[in-house]
N, C-alpha and C. Protein backbone atom coordinates (compact mmCIF):
# COMPACT_ATOMS: atom_id res chain seq x y z
N UNK A 1 81.88 84.80 161.02
CA UNK A 1 80.84 83.22 160.58
C UNK A 1 79.27 83.71 160.36
N UNK A 2 79.03 84.56 161.74
CA UNK A 2 77.89 84.74 161.71
C UNK A 2 76.64 85.89 160.77
N UNK A 3 77.92 86.87 160.18
CA UNK A 3 77.30 87.68 159.60
C UNK A 3 77.43 87.24 158.01
N UNK A 4 78.20 86.22 157.96
CA UNK A 4 78.01 85.44 156.54
C UNK A 4 76.76 84.26 156.17
N UNK A 5 76.41 83.51 157.39
CA UNK A 5 75.42 83.23 157.89
C UNK A 5 74.10 84.05 157.50
N UNK A 6 74.00 85.19 158.43
CA UNK A 6 72.79 85.73 158.20
C UNK A 6 72.75 86.46 156.76
N UNK A 7 73.42 86.87 156.04
CA UNK A 7 73.46 87.18 155.02
C UNK A 7 72.71 85.92 154.02
N UNK A 8 73.59 84.69 153.66
CA UNK A 8 73.04 83.78 152.81
C UNK A 8 71.56 83.05 153.07
N UNK A 9 71.26 82.92 154.57
CA UNK A 9 69.99 82.75 154.91
C UNK A 9 68.85 83.92 154.52
N UNK A 10 68.76 85.39 154.56
CA UNK A 10 68.30 86.03 154.32
C UNK A 10 67.85 85.79 152.19
N UNK A 11 69.38 85.59 152.20
CA UNK A 11 69.12 85.29 150.12
C UNK A 11 68.07 84.40 150.00
N UNK A 12 68.25 83.48 150.98
CA UNK A 12 67.69 82.51 151.01
C UNK A 12 66.20 82.64 150.96
N UNK A 13 65.79 83.87 151.39
CA UNK A 13 64.02 83.93 151.86
C UNK A 13 63.54 84.98 150.41
N UNK A 14 61.76 84.47 149.87
CA UNK A 14 61.20 85.12 149.29
C UNK A 14 62.08 86.75 149.25
N UNK A 15 62.07 87.17 148.01
CA UNK A 15 62.27 89.53 148.15
C UNK A 15 61.40 89.65 149.03
N UNK A 16 60.02 89.50 148.91
CA UNK A 16 59.21 89.98 149.40
C UNK A 16 59.36 90.08 151.46
N UNK A 17 60.21 88.57 151.80
CA UNK A 17 60.44 88.58 152.99
C UNK A 17 61.87 88.59 153.99
N UNK A 18 62.71 89.13 152.80
CA UNK A 18 64.01 89.64 153.51
C UNK A 18 64.10 90.45 154.74
N UNK A 19 63.38 91.33 154.78
CA UNK A 19 63.61 92.64 155.69
C UNK A 19 62.90 91.43 157.51
N UNK A 20 61.70 90.44 156.71
CA UNK A 20 61.19 89.87 158.01
C UNK A 20 62.49 89.13 158.39
N UNK A 21 62.72 87.81 157.35
CA UNK A 21 64.30 87.40 157.43
C UNK A 21 65.24 88.08 158.18
N UNK A 22 65.49 88.93 158.04
CA UNK A 22 67.06 89.93 158.90
C UNK A 22 66.39 89.58 160.36
N UNK A 23 65.21 90.13 160.46
CA UNK A 23 64.75 90.90 162.06
C UNK A 23 64.83 89.65 162.96
N UNK A 24 64.11 87.98 161.96
CA UNK A 24 64.40 87.07 162.74
C UNK A 24 65.68 86.31 163.04
N UNK A 25 66.59 86.86 162.61
CA UNK A 25 67.69 86.19 162.13
C UNK A 25 68.64 86.89 162.46
N UNK A 26 68.25 87.93 163.14
CA UNK A 26 69.44 89.27 164.34
C UNK A 26 69.34 88.26 165.86
N UNK A 27 68.15 87.83 165.90
CA UNK A 27 68.03 87.28 167.15
C UNK A 27 68.20 85.55 167.42
N UNK A 28 68.80 85.08 166.34
CA UNK A 28 69.60 83.66 166.09
C UNK A 28 71.05 83.70 166.92
N UNK A 29 71.53 82.55 167.44
CA UNK A 29 73.24 82.91 167.76
C UNK A 29 73.64 82.44 166.55
N UNK A 30 75.04 82.36 166.09
CA UNK A 30 75.18 81.52 165.02
C UNK A 30 75.19 79.99 164.63
N UNK A 31 75.23 79.35 166.28
CA UNK A 31 74.72 77.75 165.78
C UNK A 31 73.63 77.63 165.56
N UNK A 32 72.30 78.55 166.04
CA UNK A 32 71.15 78.16 165.92
C UNK A 32 71.14 78.68 163.97
N UNK A 33 71.59 79.70 163.57
CA UNK A 33 71.75 79.80 162.44
C UNK A 33 72.34 78.92 161.40
N UNK A 34 73.52 78.00 162.08
CA UNK A 34 74.15 77.24 161.42
C UNK A 34 72.97 76.01 161.11
N UNK A 35 72.48 75.73 161.60
CA UNK A 35 71.10 74.46 161.56
C UNK A 35 70.50 74.69 160.85
N UNK A 36 69.99 75.95 160.62
CA UNK A 36 69.08 75.86 159.62
C UNK A 36 69.53 76.10 158.30
N UNK A 37 70.87 76.34 158.03
CA UNK A 37 71.54 76.44 156.92
C UNK A 37 72.00 74.88 156.69
N UNK A 38 72.40 74.11 157.44
CA UNK A 38 72.13 72.63 157.43
C UNK A 38 70.91 71.83 157.05
N UNK A 39 69.81 72.54 157.10
CA UNK A 39 69.00 71.61 157.04
C UNK A 39 68.79 72.69 155.75
N UNK A 40 68.45 73.53 154.83
CA UNK A 40 68.17 74.13 153.72
C UNK A 40 69.91 73.39 152.57
N UNK A 41 71.07 73.26 153.20
CA UNK A 41 71.81 72.65 152.34
C UNK A 41 71.93 71.37 152.09
N UNK A 42 70.97 70.64 153.23
CA UNK A 42 70.37 69.14 152.55
C UNK A 42 69.49 68.93 151.64
N UNK A 43 68.25 69.67 151.98
CA UNK A 43 67.62 69.67 150.59
C UNK A 43 67.59 70.00 149.63
N UNK A 44 69.04 70.78 149.62
CA UNK A 44 69.44 70.94 148.26
C UNK A 44 70.13 69.96 147.57
N UNK A 45 71.20 68.89 148.64
CA UNK A 45 71.91 68.37 148.39
C UNK A 45 71.61 66.87 148.18
N UNK A 46 70.68 66.58 149.08
CA UNK A 46 70.05 64.87 148.86
C UNK A 46 68.56 65.30 147.72
N UNK A 47 68.69 65.01 146.26
CA UNK A 47 67.81 65.09 145.41
C UNK A 47 66.37 64.51 146.35
N UNK A 48 66.26 63.48 147.07
CA UNK A 48 65.14 63.48 147.22
C UNK A 48 64.24 63.88 148.48
N UNK A 49 64.80 64.22 149.96
CA UNK A 49 65.03 65.25 150.33
C UNK A 49 64.44 66.61 150.14
N UNK A 50 65.27 66.93 148.66
CA UNK A 50 64.40 68.52 148.22
C UNK A 50 62.80 68.43 147.09
N UNK A 51 62.35 66.88 146.92
CA UNK A 51 61.90 66.55 145.97
C UNK A 51 60.45 66.49 147.06
N UNK A 52 61.28 65.74 148.50
CA UNK A 52 60.03 65.93 149.39
C UNK A 52 59.53 67.14 149.73
N UNK A 53 60.10 68.03 150.30
CA UNK A 53 59.57 69.52 150.65
C UNK A 53 58.96 70.27 149.75
N UNK A 54 59.60 69.70 148.51
CA UNK A 54 58.53 70.89 147.59
C UNK A 54 57.37 70.55 147.47
N UNK A 55 56.85 69.49 147.57
CA UNK A 55 55.53 68.77 147.86
C UNK A 55 54.77 68.83 149.32
N UNK A 56 55.68 69.63 150.26
CA UNK A 56 54.88 69.42 151.55
C UNK A 56 53.67 70.04 151.67
N UNK A 57 52.28 69.59 152.09
CA UNK A 57 51.27 69.90 151.97
C UNK A 57 50.66 70.89 152.81
N UNK A 58 51.58 70.95 154.36
CA UNK A 58 50.82 71.79 155.42
C UNK A 58 52.30 71.71 156.70
N UNK A 59 51.81 72.41 157.20
CA UNK A 59 52.99 72.37 158.06
C UNK A 59 53.65 71.25 159.53
N UNK A 60 52.30 70.55 159.60
CA UNK A 60 52.98 69.23 160.38
C UNK A 60 53.42 68.47 159.83
N UNK A 61 53.47 68.43 158.51
CA UNK A 61 54.41 67.58 157.34
C UNK A 61 56.08 68.15 157.46
N UNK A 62 55.82 70.08 157.04
CA UNK A 62 57.08 69.84 157.41
C UNK A 62 58.08 70.34 158.74
N UNK A 63 57.18 69.73 159.52
CA UNK A 63 57.37 69.63 161.05
C UNK A 63 58.31 68.04 161.12
N UNK A 64 57.26 67.22 160.42
CA UNK A 64 57.83 65.65 160.68
C UNK A 64 59.26 65.81 159.69
N UNK A 65 59.16 66.49 158.50
CA UNK A 65 60.70 66.76 157.61
C UNK A 65 61.99 66.67 158.83
N UNK A 66 61.74 68.47 159.51
CA UNK A 66 62.49 68.37 159.96
C UNK A 66 62.92 67.57 161.58
N UNK A 67 62.16 66.83 161.63
CA UNK A 67 62.39 65.78 162.68
C UNK A 67 63.34 64.59 162.43
N UNK A 68 62.66 64.30 161.19
CA UNK A 68 63.55 63.05 159.96
C UNK A 68 64.84 63.66 160.09
N UNK A 69 65.53 64.69 159.86
CA UNK A 69 66.20 65.58 159.39
C UNK A 69 67.05 65.57 160.97
N UNK A 70 66.50 66.02 161.62
CA UNK A 70 67.30 66.43 163.03
C UNK A 70 67.82 64.60 163.45
N UNK A 71 66.73 63.73 163.92
CA UNK A 71 67.31 62.04 163.67
C UNK A 71 68.36 62.12 162.64
N UNK A 72 68.30 62.12 161.52
CA UNK A 72 69.38 61.67 160.73
C UNK A 72 70.80 62.63 161.28
N UNK A 73 70.70 63.58 161.69
CA UNK A 73 71.95 64.40 162.24
C UNK A 73 72.33 63.71 163.75
N UNK A 74 71.61 63.42 164.25
CA UNK A 74 71.94 62.82 165.92
C UNK A 74 72.38 61.41 165.48
N UNK A 75 71.85 60.54 165.09
CA UNK A 75 71.69 59.25 164.51
C UNK A 75 73.85 59.76 163.97
N UNK A 76 73.87 60.67 163.34
CA UNK A 76 75.36 60.35 162.64
C UNK A 76 76.28 60.76 163.78
N UNK A 77 75.65 61.71 164.28
CA UNK A 77 76.83 62.14 165.77
C UNK A 77 77.30 60.96 167.36
N UNK A 78 78.17 61.68 167.51
CA UNK A 78 78.95 61.06 168.39
C UNK A 78 77.17 61.10 170.04
N UNK A 79 77.52 59.95 170.30
CA UNK A 79 76.53 60.30 171.36
C UNK A 79 76.25 61.60 171.83
N UNK A 80 74.92 62.40 172.19
CA UNK A 80 74.61 63.40 172.24
C UNK A 80 74.31 63.46 173.84
N UNK A 81 74.84 64.23 174.16
CA UNK A 81 74.21 64.59 176.27
C UNK A 81 72.36 64.70 176.21
N UNK A 82 72.54 63.94 176.69
CA UNK A 82 70.68 64.35 177.12
C UNK A 82 70.27 65.94 177.30
N UNK A 83 71.72 66.72 178.01
CA UNK A 83 71.28 68.37 178.49
C UNK A 83 71.14 68.96 176.81
N UNK A 84 72.01 68.13 175.48
CA UNK A 84 71.74 69.00 174.92
C UNK A 84 70.18 68.92 174.20
N UNK A 85 69.50 67.86 174.67
CA UNK A 85 68.28 67.32 173.47
C UNK A 85 66.96 68.55 173.68
N UNK A 86 67.21 69.51 174.16
CA UNK A 86 66.31 70.59 174.73
C UNK A 86 66.69 71.98 173.71
N UNK A 87 68.05 71.42 173.48
CA UNK A 87 68.69 72.69 172.68
C UNK A 87 68.41 72.06 171.23
N UNK A 88 67.93 70.80 170.47
CA UNK A 88 67.70 70.31 169.53
C UNK A 88 66.01 70.65 169.02
N UNK A 89 65.45 70.52 170.34
CA UNK A 89 64.03 71.09 170.07
C UNK A 89 63.74 72.46 169.98
N UNK A 90 64.58 72.99 170.84
CA UNK A 90 64.84 74.73 169.83
C UNK A 90 64.94 75.11 168.68
N UNK A 91 65.85 74.08 168.31
CA UNK A 91 66.67 74.60 166.97
C UNK A 91 65.30 74.13 166.05
N UNK A 92 65.08 72.95 165.79
CA UNK A 92 63.83 72.61 165.44
C UNK A 92 62.88 73.61 165.06
N UNK A 93 62.09 74.09 166.56
CA UNK A 93 61.19 75.05 166.32
C UNK A 93 61.67 76.10 165.28
N UNK A 94 62.98 76.81 165.70
CA UNK A 94 63.18 77.63 164.95
C UNK A 94 63.21 77.75 163.64
N UNK A 95 63.59 76.66 163.40
CA UNK A 95 64.08 76.11 161.81
C UNK A 95 62.38 76.19 161.31
N UNK A 96 61.42 75.60 161.97
CA UNK A 96 60.74 75.67 161.10
C UNK A 96 59.64 77.18 161.69
N UNK A 97 60.19 78.03 161.91
CA UNK A 97 58.95 79.21 162.00
C UNK A 97 60.10 79.89 161.14
N UNK A 98 61.22 79.54 160.85
CA UNK A 98 62.71 80.38 159.69
C UNK A 98 61.62 79.95 158.56
N UNK A 99 61.45 78.80 158.14
CA UNK A 99 60.80 78.14 156.95
C UNK A 99 59.29 78.74 156.63
N UNK A 100 58.89 78.76 157.76
CA UNK A 100 57.20 79.65 157.20
C UNK A 100 57.42 81.00 157.28
N UNK A 101 58.28 81.62 157.92
CA UNK A 101 58.29 83.10 157.69
C UNK A 101 58.82 83.95 156.77
N UNK A 102 59.73 83.17 156.10
CA UNK A 102 61.00 83.45 155.10
C UNK A 102 60.34 83.29 153.90
N UNK A 103 59.18 82.32 153.93
CA UNK A 103 58.50 81.95 152.42
C UNK A 103 59.44 81.57 151.44
N UNK A 104 60.48 80.39 151.47
CA UNK A 104 61.41 80.30 150.80
C UNK A 104 60.62 79.08 150.21
N UNK A 105 61.21 79.72 148.27
CA UNK A 105 60.26 78.81 147.49
C UNK A 105 59.64 77.63 147.54
N UNK A 106 60.72 76.06 147.63
CA UNK A 106 60.90 75.28 147.58
C UNK A 106 60.15 74.84 148.56
N UNK A 107 60.16 75.66 149.81
CA UNK A 107 59.53 74.93 150.87
C UNK A 107 58.07 75.69 151.31
N UNK A 108 58.45 76.97 151.33
CA UNK A 108 56.76 77.69 151.54
C UNK A 108 56.14 77.82 150.80
N UNK A 109 56.05 77.56 149.54
CA UNK A 109 55.14 77.75 148.71
C UNK A 109 53.96 76.73 148.73
N UNK A 110 54.24 75.35 149.10
CA UNK A 110 53.12 74.47 149.24
C UNK A 110 52.50 74.89 150.78
N UNK A 111 53.25 75.79 151.55
CA UNK A 111 52.12 75.70 152.93
C UNK A 111 51.42 77.51 152.43
N UNK A 112 51.60 78.32 151.78
CA UNK A 112 50.87 79.19 151.13
C UNK A 112 49.60 78.46 150.62
N UNK A 113 49.95 77.69 149.80
CA UNK A 113 48.51 76.81 149.22
C UNK A 113 48.07 76.27 150.23
N UNK A 114 48.75 75.56 151.72
CA UNK A 114 47.63 74.65 151.99
C UNK A 114 46.81 75.65 152.97
N UNK A 115 47.24 76.81 153.30
CA UNK A 115 46.60 77.84 154.33
C UNK A 115 45.53 78.21 153.49
N UNK A 116 44.88 77.94 152.11
CA UNK A 116 44.68 79.04 151.30
C UNK A 116 42.77 78.47 151.49
């Protein structure tokens, strides 16, 4: 499953950033990659979220979208032990770094224009 997740996430990255994406993902667990894939999947399946993400003008607003995504995940799940909350924060940071570094067209293009 880990190899399939890595292959799919590398394929989502911009062509020029795929080597970087593969190196970044190599250091992640299957659980961490699954979290990234869930976010990308939700942005595809939820037209409102997808539209919002495509217009994110800054890294800070992208971080807010990730926080909203995580809050929704946790609200739907059974009660989460407090010990898992640092893990959730860690996954949100990894997701933000992946999205920023992989230059995913519908997510990272506005980030590049905001930095210019």
